[in-house]
N, C-alpha and C. Protein backbone atom coordinates (compact mmCIF):
# COMPACT_ATOMS: atom_id res chain seq x y z
N ILE A 1 69.44 171.58 116.74
CA ILE A 1 68.66 170.06 115.71
C ILE A 1 67.79 169.32 116.75
N THR A 2 67.56 170.09 118.33
CA THR A 2 65.86 169.64 119.30
C THR A 2 64.46 170.11 118.26
N GLN A 3 64.44 171.25 117.73
CA GLN A 3 63.27 171.84 117.07
C GLN A 3 63.19 171.01 116.17
N LEU A 4 64.44 170.10 114.72
CA LEU A 4 64.25 169.67 113.73
C LEU A 4 63.10 168.17 114.54
N GLN A 5 64.44 168.17 115.71
CA GLN A 5 62.86 166.80 116.25
C GLN A 5 62.01 166.76 116.87
N GLU A 6 61.65 167.93 117.41
CA GLU A 6 60.08 168.39 117.44
C GLU A 6 59.84 168.56 116.91
N THR A 7 59.54 168.70 115.54
CA THR A 7 58.75 169.38 114.59
C THR A 7 58.53 168.34 113.30
N PRO A 8 57.30 167.78 113.39
CA PRO A 8 57.42 167.28 112.07
C PRO A 8 57.50 167.55 111.07
N PHE A 9 58.70 166.59 110.23
CA PHE A 9 58.70 166.74 108.89
C PHE A 9 58.60 165.26 107.86
N SER A 10 58.28 165.43 107.24
CA SER A 10 57.66 164.60 105.81
C SER A 10 57.89 164.96 104.11
N LEU A 11 58.58 164.59 103.59
CA LEU A 11 59.25 164.79 102.02
C LEU A 11 58.51 163.89 101.49
N PRO A 12 57.76 164.31 100.33
CA PRO A 12 56.92 163.48 99.10
C PRO A 12 58.19 162.67 98.38
N VAL A 13 57.86 161.53 98.01
CA VAL A 13 58.70 160.35 97.33
C VAL A 13 58.55 161.33 95.96
N ASP A 14 59.41 162.15 96.02
CA ASP A 14 59.95 162.29 93.93
C ASP A 14 61.21 163.07 93.98
N GLU A 15 61.23 163.52 92.66
CA GLU A 15 62.26 163.87 92.40
C GLU A 15 62.44 165.59 92.80
N HIS A 16 61.58 165.82 93.71
CA HIS A 16 62.38 167.24 94.43
C HIS A 16 62.79 167.66 95.44
N SER A 17 64.00 166.76 95.61
CA SER A 17 64.55 167.00 97.03
C SER A 17 65.44 165.83 96.56
N ILE A 18 66.16 166.26 97.08
CA ILE A 18 67.88 164.84 97.05
C ILE A 18 67.59 163.96 97.69
N ILE A 19 66.50 163.98 98.77
CA ILE A 19 66.34 162.39 99.68
C ILE A 19 65.41 162.05 98.85
N GLY A 20 63.97 162.58 98.18
CA GLY A 20 63.23 162.04 97.29
C GLY A 20 63.46 160.94 96.31
N TRP A 21 64.59 161.96 95.71
CA TRP A 21 65.69 161.89 94.21
C TRP A 21 65.92 160.02 94.71
N THR A 22 66.69 160.56 95.76
CA THR A 22 67.47 159.54 96.13
C THR A 22 65.81 158.00 96.36
N ALA A 23 65.37 158.08 96.72
CA ALA A 23 63.77 157.33 97.38
C ALA A 23 63.32 156.20 96.27
N VAL A 24 63.01 157.62 95.29
CA VAL A 24 62.75 157.17 94.03
C VAL A 24 63.53 156.61 92.72
N ASN A 25 64.84 156.90 92.95
CA ASN A 25 66.70 156.43 91.82
C ASN A 25 66.74 155.12 92.17
N ARG A 26 66.52 154.92 93.91
CA ARG A 26 67.57 153.78 95.26
C ARG A 26 68.66 154.00 94.48
N LEU A 27 69.22 155.35 94.42
CA LEU A 27 71.02 155.66 94.24
C LEU A 27 71.16 156.81 95.40
N THR A 28 72.81 156.13 95.43
CA THR A 28 73.29 157.33 96.55
C THR A 28 73.54 158.31 96.26
N ARG A 29 72.85 159.62 96.49
CA ARG A 29 73.10 161.05 95.98
C ARG A 29 74.01 161.61 96.95
N ILE A 30 75.20 162.90 95.73
CA ILE A 30 75.66 163.41 96.94
C ILE A 30 76.40 164.95 95.60
N ALA A 31 75.76 165.97 97.03
CA ALA A 31 75.18 166.99 96.27
C ALA A 31 76.81 168.21 96.93
N ASP A 32 77.82 167.98 96.62
CA ASP A 32 79.17 168.74 96.46
C ASP A 32 78.77 170.41 97.17
N ASN A 33 77.73 170.92 96.68
CA ASN A 33 77.54 171.90 96.93
C ASN A 33 75.56 172.06 96.60
N VAL A 34 75.00 172.15 97.90
CA VAL A 34 73.44 172.17 97.75
C VAL A 34 72.76 173.30 96.92
N THR A 35 73.01 174.53 97.37
CA THR A 35 73.65 175.76 96.69
C THR A 35 72.86 175.18 94.52
N THR A 36 73.75 174.69 94.33
CA THR A 36 73.88 174.36 92.23
C THR A 36 72.93 172.82 92.43
N ASP A 37 72.73 172.12 93.46
CA ASP A 37 71.90 170.82 92.87
C ASP A 37 70.18 171.57 92.92
N PRO A 38 69.86 170.81 91.48
CA PRO A 38 68.80 170.93 90.52
C PRO A 38 67.68 170.39 91.82
N HIS A 39 67.83 168.89 92.73
CA HIS A 39 67.24 168.23 93.40
C HIS A 39 67.34 168.74 95.18
N TYR A 40 67.90 169.93 95.65
CA TYR A 40 68.13 170.39 96.45
C TYR A 40 67.19 171.28 96.76
N LEU A 41 66.41 170.70 98.36
CA LEU A 41 65.07 171.46 98.68
C LEU A 41 65.62 171.84 99.96
N ALA A 42 65.84 173.73 99.91
CA ALA A 42 66.17 174.00 101.63
C ALA A 42 65.12 173.54 102.84
N ASN A 43 65.73 173.31 103.67
CA ASN A 43 64.54 173.16 105.03
C ASN A 43 64.77 174.34 105.63
N PRO A 44 64.28 175.12 106.32
CA PRO A 44 64.60 176.51 107.21
C PRO A 44 65.28 176.71 108.74
N LEU A 45 64.94 174.77 108.86
CA LEU A 45 66.05 174.93 110.34
C LEU A 45 67.14 174.21 110.20
N LEU A 46 67.65 173.83 108.59
CA LEU A 46 69.38 173.71 108.78
C LEU A 46 69.01 174.00 107.08
N LEU A 47 69.37 175.53 107.15
CA LEU A 47 69.81 176.44 106.85
C LEU A 47 71.38 176.56 106.59
N GLU A 48 72.21 176.15 107.25
CA GLU A 48 73.17 176.18 107.27
C GLU A 48 74.14 174.90 106.26
N THR A 49 73.14 173.91 105.88
CA THR A 49 73.33 172.61 104.41
C THR A 49 74.48 173.43 104.10
N ARG A 50 75.55 172.63 103.55
CA ARG A 50 76.09 173.01 102.80
C ARG A 50 76.78 172.20 100.95
N SER A 51 76.88 170.91 101.83
CA SER A 51 76.34 169.47 100.64
C SER A 51 75.64 168.38 102.04
N GLU A 52 75.72 167.34 101.00
CA GLU A 52 74.32 166.79 101.44
C GLU A 52 74.77 165.04 100.87
N MET A 53 74.72 163.75 101.55
CA MET A 53 74.39 162.88 100.99
C MET A 53 73.58 162.34 101.26
N ALA A 54 72.90 161.17 99.85
CA ALA A 54 71.92 160.74 100.60
C ALA A 54 71.55 159.22 100.49
N LEU A 55 71.75 157.92 100.93
CA LEU A 55 71.29 156.71 100.91
C LEU A 55 70.20 156.43 100.64
N PRO A 56 69.94 155.19 99.82
CA PRO A 56 68.35 154.19 100.04
C PRO A 56 69.04 152.94 101.06
N LEU A 57 67.78 153.17 101.97
CA LEU A 57 67.67 151.93 102.98
C LEU A 57 66.89 150.54 102.64
N ILE A 58 67.34 149.58 101.73
CA ILE A 58 67.00 149.36 100.77
C ILE A 58 67.06 147.80 101.37
N THR A 59 65.93 146.85 101.48
CA THR A 59 66.18 145.65 101.72
C THR A 59 64.78 144.73 101.03
N ARG A 60 65.71 143.37 100.76
CA ARG A 60 64.30 143.38 100.04
C ARG A 60 63.78 143.34 99.13
N ASP A 61 64.44 144.08 98.03
CA ASP A 61 63.83 144.75 96.98
C ASP A 61 62.73 145.78 97.13
N ARG A 62 63.01 146.43 98.47
CA ARG A 62 61.82 147.79 98.79
C ARG A 62 62.50 148.70 99.51
N VAL A 63 62.64 150.02 99.47
CA VAL A 63 62.69 151.41 100.03
C VAL A 63 62.38 151.17 101.03
N LEU A 64 63.10 151.07 102.46
CA LEU A 64 62.33 151.58 103.59
C LEU A 64 62.54 153.03 103.97
N GLY A 65 63.56 153.80 103.62
CA GLY A 65 64.08 155.03 103.73
C GLY A 65 64.90 155.02 103.10
N VAL A 66 65.51 156.66 103.19
CA VAL A 66 66.61 156.82 103.20
C VAL A 66 67.24 157.58 104.33
N LEU A 67 68.87 157.16 104.51
CA LEU A 67 70.17 158.00 105.45
C LEU A 67 70.53 159.26 104.58
N ASP A 68 70.35 160.09 105.40
CA ASP A 68 70.68 161.11 104.90
C ASP A 68 72.00 162.25 105.84
N VAL A 69 73.27 162.85 105.31
CA VAL A 69 74.01 163.39 105.84
C VAL A 69 73.77 164.44 104.97
N GLN A 70 74.54 165.67 106.18
CA GLN A 70 74.53 166.77 105.83
C GLN A 70 76.09 168.02 106.19
N SER A 71 76.33 168.53 105.90
CA SER A 71 77.75 169.20 106.12
C SER A 71 77.29 171.13 105.40
N ARG A 72 77.87 171.91 106.78
CA ARG A 72 78.36 173.16 107.28
C ARG A 72 79.72 173.01 105.63
N ARG A 73 80.14 172.58 105.29
CA ARG A 73 80.91 172.40 104.20
C ARG A 73 80.98 172.03 102.96
N GLU A 74 80.74 172.67 101.49
CA GLU A 74 81.06 172.18 100.82
C GLU A 74 81.88 171.09 100.28
N SER A 75 81.59 170.29 99.61
CA SER A 75 82.51 168.75 99.16
C SER A 75 82.64 168.03 100.62
N ALA A 76 81.54 168.21 101.01
CA ALA A 76 82.55 167.43 102.38
C ALA A 76 82.44 165.80 101.98
N PHE A 77 81.55 166.13 101.54
CA PHE A 77 81.78 164.39 101.72
C PHE A 77 82.17 163.46 99.92
N GLN A 78 83.09 162.12 99.76
CA GLN A 78 83.33 162.09 98.59
C GLN A 78 83.18 160.29 98.83
N GLU A 79 83.17 159.43 97.59
CA GLU A 79 83.30 158.46 97.45
C GLU A 79 83.45 157.81 98.11
N GLU A 80 84.38 157.24 99.15
CA GLU A 80 84.70 156.51 100.08
C GLU A 80 83.93 156.90 101.28
N ASP A 81 83.06 157.61 101.08
CA ASP A 81 82.29 158.07 102.28
C ASP A 81 81.06 157.90 102.29
N ALA A 82 80.73 156.93 101.03
CA ALA A 82 79.47 156.86 101.08
C ALA A 82 79.77 155.20 100.56
N ALA A 83 80.89 154.76 100.36
CA ALA A 83 81.06 153.44 100.94
C ALA A 83 81.01 152.97 102.09
N PHE A 84 81.45 153.45 103.18
CA PHE A 84 81.28 152.92 104.30
C PHE A 84 79.67 153.50 104.54
N LEU A 85 79.03 154.35 104.23
CA LEU A 85 77.64 154.74 105.14
C LEU A 85 76.87 153.57 104.43
N GLN A 86 77.55 153.11 103.30
CA GLN A 86 76.14 151.95 102.63
C GLN A 86 77.10 150.66 103.82
N ILE A 87 78.30 150.48 104.03
CA ILE A 87 77.86 150.04 105.14
C ILE A 87 77.42 150.06 106.20
N VAL A 88 76.87 151.34 106.41
CA VAL A 88 76.78 151.38 107.81
C VAL A 88 74.73 151.05 107.12
N ALA A 89 74.61 151.59 106.02
CA ALA A 89 73.11 151.77 105.96
C ALA A 89 72.32 150.14 105.44
N HIS A 90 73.10 149.18 104.84
CA HIS A 90 72.74 147.57 104.79
C HIS A 90 71.93 147.49 106.24
N PRO A 91 72.98 146.75 106.81
CA PRO A 91 72.54 146.14 108.22
C PRO A 91 71.44 146.83 108.64
N LEU A 92 71.29 148.74 108.59
CA LEU A 92 70.62 149.02 109.58
C LEU A 92 68.70 148.87 108.35
N ALA A 93 69.14 148.66 107.49
CA ALA A 93 67.72 148.77 107.08
C ALA A 93 66.97 147.29 107.37
N ILE A 94 67.85 146.71 107.59
CA ILE A 94 67.58 145.48 107.92
C ILE A 94 67.19 144.69 108.72
N ASN A 95 67.64 145.45 110.23
CA ASN A 95 67.11 145.55 111.28
C ASN A 95 66.38 146.49 111.16
N ILE A 96 65.49 147.23 110.74
CA ILE A 96 64.29 148.33 110.41
C ILE A 96 63.37 147.34 109.94
N ASP A 97 63.23 146.71 108.52
CA ASP A 97 62.33 144.92 108.29
C ASP A 97 62.37 144.20 109.09
N ASN A 98 63.36 143.61 109.68
CA ASN A 98 63.09 143.24 111.24
C ASN A 98 62.04 143.42 111.73
N SER A 99 62.76 144.61 112.65
CA SER A 99 61.28 144.92 113.41
C SER A 99 60.36 145.42 112.87
N LEU A 100 60.08 145.69 111.74
CA LEU A 100 58.84 145.96 110.78
C LEU A 100 57.48 144.29 110.93
N LEU A 101 58.48 143.50 110.47
CA LEU A 101 58.36 142.43 110.43
C LEU A 101 57.27 141.34 111.50
N PHE A 102 58.51 142.01 112.83
CA PHE A 102 58.11 141.35 114.08
C PHE A 102 56.67 142.38 114.34
N GLY A 103 56.75 143.43 114.29
CA GLY A 103 54.97 144.17 114.28
C GLY A 103 54.24 143.78 113.93
N GLN A 104 54.65 143.24 112.69
CA GLN A 104 53.40 143.04 111.66
C GLN A 104 52.91 140.76 112.68
N THR A 105 53.94 140.33 112.44
CA THR A 105 54.42 138.66 112.92
C THR A 105 53.67 139.45 114.33
N GLU A 106 53.49 140.38 115.38
CA GLU A 106 52.63 139.87 116.47
C GLU A 106 51.55 140.26 116.11
N ALA A 107 51.24 140.90 115.71
CA ALA A 107 49.77 141.91 115.26
C ALA A 107 49.02 140.39 114.51
N THR A 108 49.58 139.40 113.86
CA THR A 108 48.85 138.06 113.32
C THR A 108 48.89 137.15 114.18
N LEU A 109 49.40 137.09 115.16
CA LEU A 109 49.56 136.34 116.34
C LEU A 109 48.97 136.48 116.91
N GLN A 110 47.98 138.19 117.62
CA GLN A 110 47.34 138.72 118.19
C GLN A 110 45.58 137.96 117.57
N GLU A 111 45.87 138.39 116.41
CA GLU A 111 44.62 137.72 115.85
C GLU A 111 44.33 136.99 115.95
N MET A 112 45.59 135.73 115.80
CA MET A 112 44.99 134.37 115.18
C MET A 112 44.69 133.62 117.08
N ARG A 113 45.19 134.36 118.06
CA ARG A 113 44.68 133.88 119.09
C ARG A 113 42.94 134.45 119.67
N ALA A 114 43.01 135.48 119.07
CA ALA A 114 41.57 136.32 118.81
C ALA A 114 40.66 135.30 118.56
N LEU A 115 40.81 134.51 116.76
CA LEU A 115 40.02 133.41 116.61
C LEU A 115 40.18 132.47 117.19
N TYR A 116 41.44 132.09 117.23
CA TYR A 116 41.28 130.51 118.06
C TYR A 116 40.03 130.26 119.27
N GLN A 117 40.36 131.47 120.37
CA GLN A 117 39.43 131.53 121.17
C GLN A 117 38.16 131.70 121.56
N TYR A 118 37.33 132.70 119.86
CA TYR A 118 36.52 132.69 119.50
C TYR A 118 36.10 131.40 118.72
N ASN A 119 36.34 130.50 118.18
CA ASN A 119 36.40 129.48 117.93
C ASN A 119 36.36 128.40 119.24
N THR A 120 37.32 128.53 119.46
CA THR A 120 36.61 127.50 121.39
C THR A 120 35.42 127.23 121.48
N SER A 121 35.11 129.16 121.88
CA SER A 121 33.96 128.89 122.43
C SER A 121 32.42 128.96 121.90
N LEU A 122 32.45 129.06 120.19
CA LEU A 122 31.90 128.66 120.00
C LEU A 122 30.87 127.06 119.56
N ILE A 123 32.38 125.99 119.90
CA ILE A 123 32.46 124.82 119.21
C ILE A 123 32.44 124.12 120.15
N THR A 124 31.93 124.64 121.66
CA THR A 124 31.72 123.92 122.71
C THR A 124 30.74 124.13 123.54
N SER A 125 29.75 124.23 122.45
CA SER A 125 28.11 124.23 122.47
C SER A 125 27.05 123.85 121.35
N LEU A 126 26.47 123.00 121.74
CA LEU A 126 25.31 122.83 120.40
C LEU A 126 24.15 123.17 120.68
N ASP A 127 23.94 124.50 121.57
CA ASP A 127 23.00 124.93 121.95
C ASP A 127 22.84 126.35 120.64
N VAL A 128 22.04 126.71 119.83
CA VAL A 128 22.73 127.63 118.86
C VAL A 128 21.58 129.25 119.42
N GLY A 129 21.45 129.12 120.51
CA GLY A 129 20.96 130.65 120.16
C GLY A 129 21.94 131.10 121.82
N GLU A 130 23.03 129.78 122.25
CA GLU A 130 24.01 129.66 122.68
C GLU A 130 24.95 130.27 122.60
N ILE A 131 25.63 129.76 120.87
CA ILE A 131 26.15 129.98 119.70
C ILE A 131 25.74 130.95 119.73
N TYR A 132 25.26 131.90 119.28
CA TYR A 132 24.60 133.40 119.18
C TYR A 132 24.90 134.43 120.20
N ARG A 133 24.82 133.76 121.44
CA ARG A 133 25.14 134.54 122.60
C ARG A 133 26.46 135.01 122.59
N ARG A 134 27.66 134.33 122.49
CA ARG A 134 28.43 133.49 122.61
C ARG A 134 29.63 134.78 121.08
N ALA A 135 28.73 134.13 120.18
CA ALA A 135 29.75 134.83 119.05
C ALA A 135 29.10 136.44 119.16
N ALA A 136 28.45 137.32 119.51
CA ALA A 136 27.22 138.36 119.71
C ALA A 136 28.90 139.25 120.80
N ARG A 137 28.91 138.30 122.04
CA ARG A 137 29.31 138.83 123.05
C ARG A 137 31.01 139.34 122.58
N ALA A 138 31.72 137.80 121.90
CA ALA A 138 33.11 137.97 121.61
C ALA A 138 33.43 139.13 120.81
N LEU A 139 32.67 139.28 119.69
CA LEU A 139 32.48 139.97 118.25
C LEU A 139 32.52 141.76 119.04
N ALA A 140 31.29 141.81 120.09
CA ALA A 140 31.48 142.91 120.91
C ALA A 140 33.14 143.27 121.06
N VAL A 141 33.20 142.70 122.17
CA VAL A 141 34.53 142.42 122.43
C VAL A 141 35.15 142.73 121.93
N GLU A 142 35.67 142.35 121.16
CA GLU A 142 36.83 141.65 120.52
C GLU A 142 36.70 143.31 119.02
N THR A 143 35.95 143.78 118.91
CA THR A 143 36.15 145.00 118.36
C THR A 143 35.95 146.63 119.32
N GLY A 144 35.73 146.12 119.91
CA GLY A 144 35.17 146.95 121.05
C GLY A 144 34.37 147.98 121.08
N SER A 145 33.03 147.40 120.99
CA SER A 145 31.76 147.85 120.07
C SER A 145 31.38 147.89 121.24
N CYS A 146 30.09 149.10 121.13
CA CYS A 146 28.59 148.87 122.10
C CYS A 146 28.45 147.90 121.96
N ARG A 147 27.81 147.54 120.77
CA ARG A 147 27.08 146.36 120.33
C ARG A 147 27.12 145.70 119.44
N CYS A 148 26.09 144.80 119.39
CA CYS A 148 27.11 143.26 118.06
C CYS A 148 25.18 142.82 118.48
N ILE A 149 24.40 142.87 116.75
CA ILE A 149 23.14 142.02 116.46
C ILE A 149 23.59 141.11 115.66
N ILE A 150 22.91 139.74 115.71
CA ILE A 150 23.57 138.94 114.60
C ILE A 150 21.91 138.64 114.02
N LEU A 151 21.32 138.60 112.75
CA LEU A 151 20.04 138.47 112.29
C LEU A 151 20.69 137.41 111.16
N VAL A 152 19.71 136.73 111.01
CA VAL A 152 19.78 135.72 110.60
C VAL A 152 18.80 135.61 108.93
N TRP A 153 18.92 134.93 107.79
CA TRP A 153 18.26 135.25 106.84
C TRP A 153 17.20 134.19 106.47
N GLN A 154 15.98 134.69 106.91
CA GLN A 154 15.38 133.72 106.14
C GLN A 154 13.86 133.83 104.89
N PRO A 155 14.44 132.28 104.10
CA PRO A 155 14.67 132.42 102.75
C PRO A 155 13.17 132.10 102.74
N GLY A 156 12.61 131.40 103.75
CA GLY A 156 10.81 131.64 103.42
C GLY A 156 10.06 133.16 103.40
N GLN A 157 10.54 133.52 104.09
CA GLN A 157 10.13 134.89 104.61
C GLN A 157 10.79 136.23 103.52
N ASN A 158 11.47 136.19 103.08
CA ASN A 158 12.78 136.74 102.20
C ASN A 158 13.51 138.14 103.11
N CYS A 159 13.29 138.20 104.20
CA CYS A 159 14.22 138.92 105.20
C CYS A 159 15.04 138.40 106.57
N LEU A 160 15.43 139.00 106.76
CA LEU A 160 16.45 138.67 108.00
C LEU A 160 15.91 139.05 109.34
N ILE A 161 16.30 138.38 110.13
CA ILE A 161 15.70 138.45 111.93
C ILE A 161 16.33 138.45 112.73
N THR A 162 16.41 139.27 113.73
CA THR A 162 17.20 139.43 114.38
C THR A 162 16.85 137.93 115.88
N GLN A 163 18.39 137.22 115.68
CA GLN A 163 18.64 137.07 116.79
C GLN A 163 18.94 136.97 118.43
N ILE A 164 20.03 138.05 118.38
CA ILE A 164 20.62 138.42 119.34
C ILE A 164 21.18 139.55 119.10
N GLY A 165 21.66 140.48 120.32
CA GLY A 165 21.26 141.48 120.27
C GLY A 165 22.24 142.10 121.85
N PHE A 166 24.06 141.90 121.46
CA PHE A 166 24.86 142.18 122.85
C PHE A 166 25.24 143.76 122.63
N GLU A 167 24.78 144.02 124.22
CA GLU A 167 25.49 145.41 124.23
C GLU A 167 26.21 145.54 125.45
């Protein structure tokens, strides 16, 4: 198991594996004998697998992943096992979704804070040159850039003219 945990493993979401089939079809799948299941995809790190059960992790009508359990015995899983694991899988999916939502909310909050600070620094000056300087500095710092240049359109000359550069 340690090698499996250390080795990155990914599967396409298609019907070429039990896990992929489960994600595509959004249904639990039990393979009593994986060697006879047309969707079984052998993993060289799990050669002793004889039976497998996969359950979709679904919340808000989205598949977030698949809960996959395997056994060294054939016919190790029954419908009762699937019913029990579905009870476990549902709150797991909800918690994963909540964690993802929290991360998105945190990122949005950071963006809003940056925008608020940016706007606050701009509206506290009436000097156009100072507004350009503050904007260039804030944009370079916020984006992690080494340089920010603000150019302004000059309609009469049909060109852009540099107003400020920040390094």
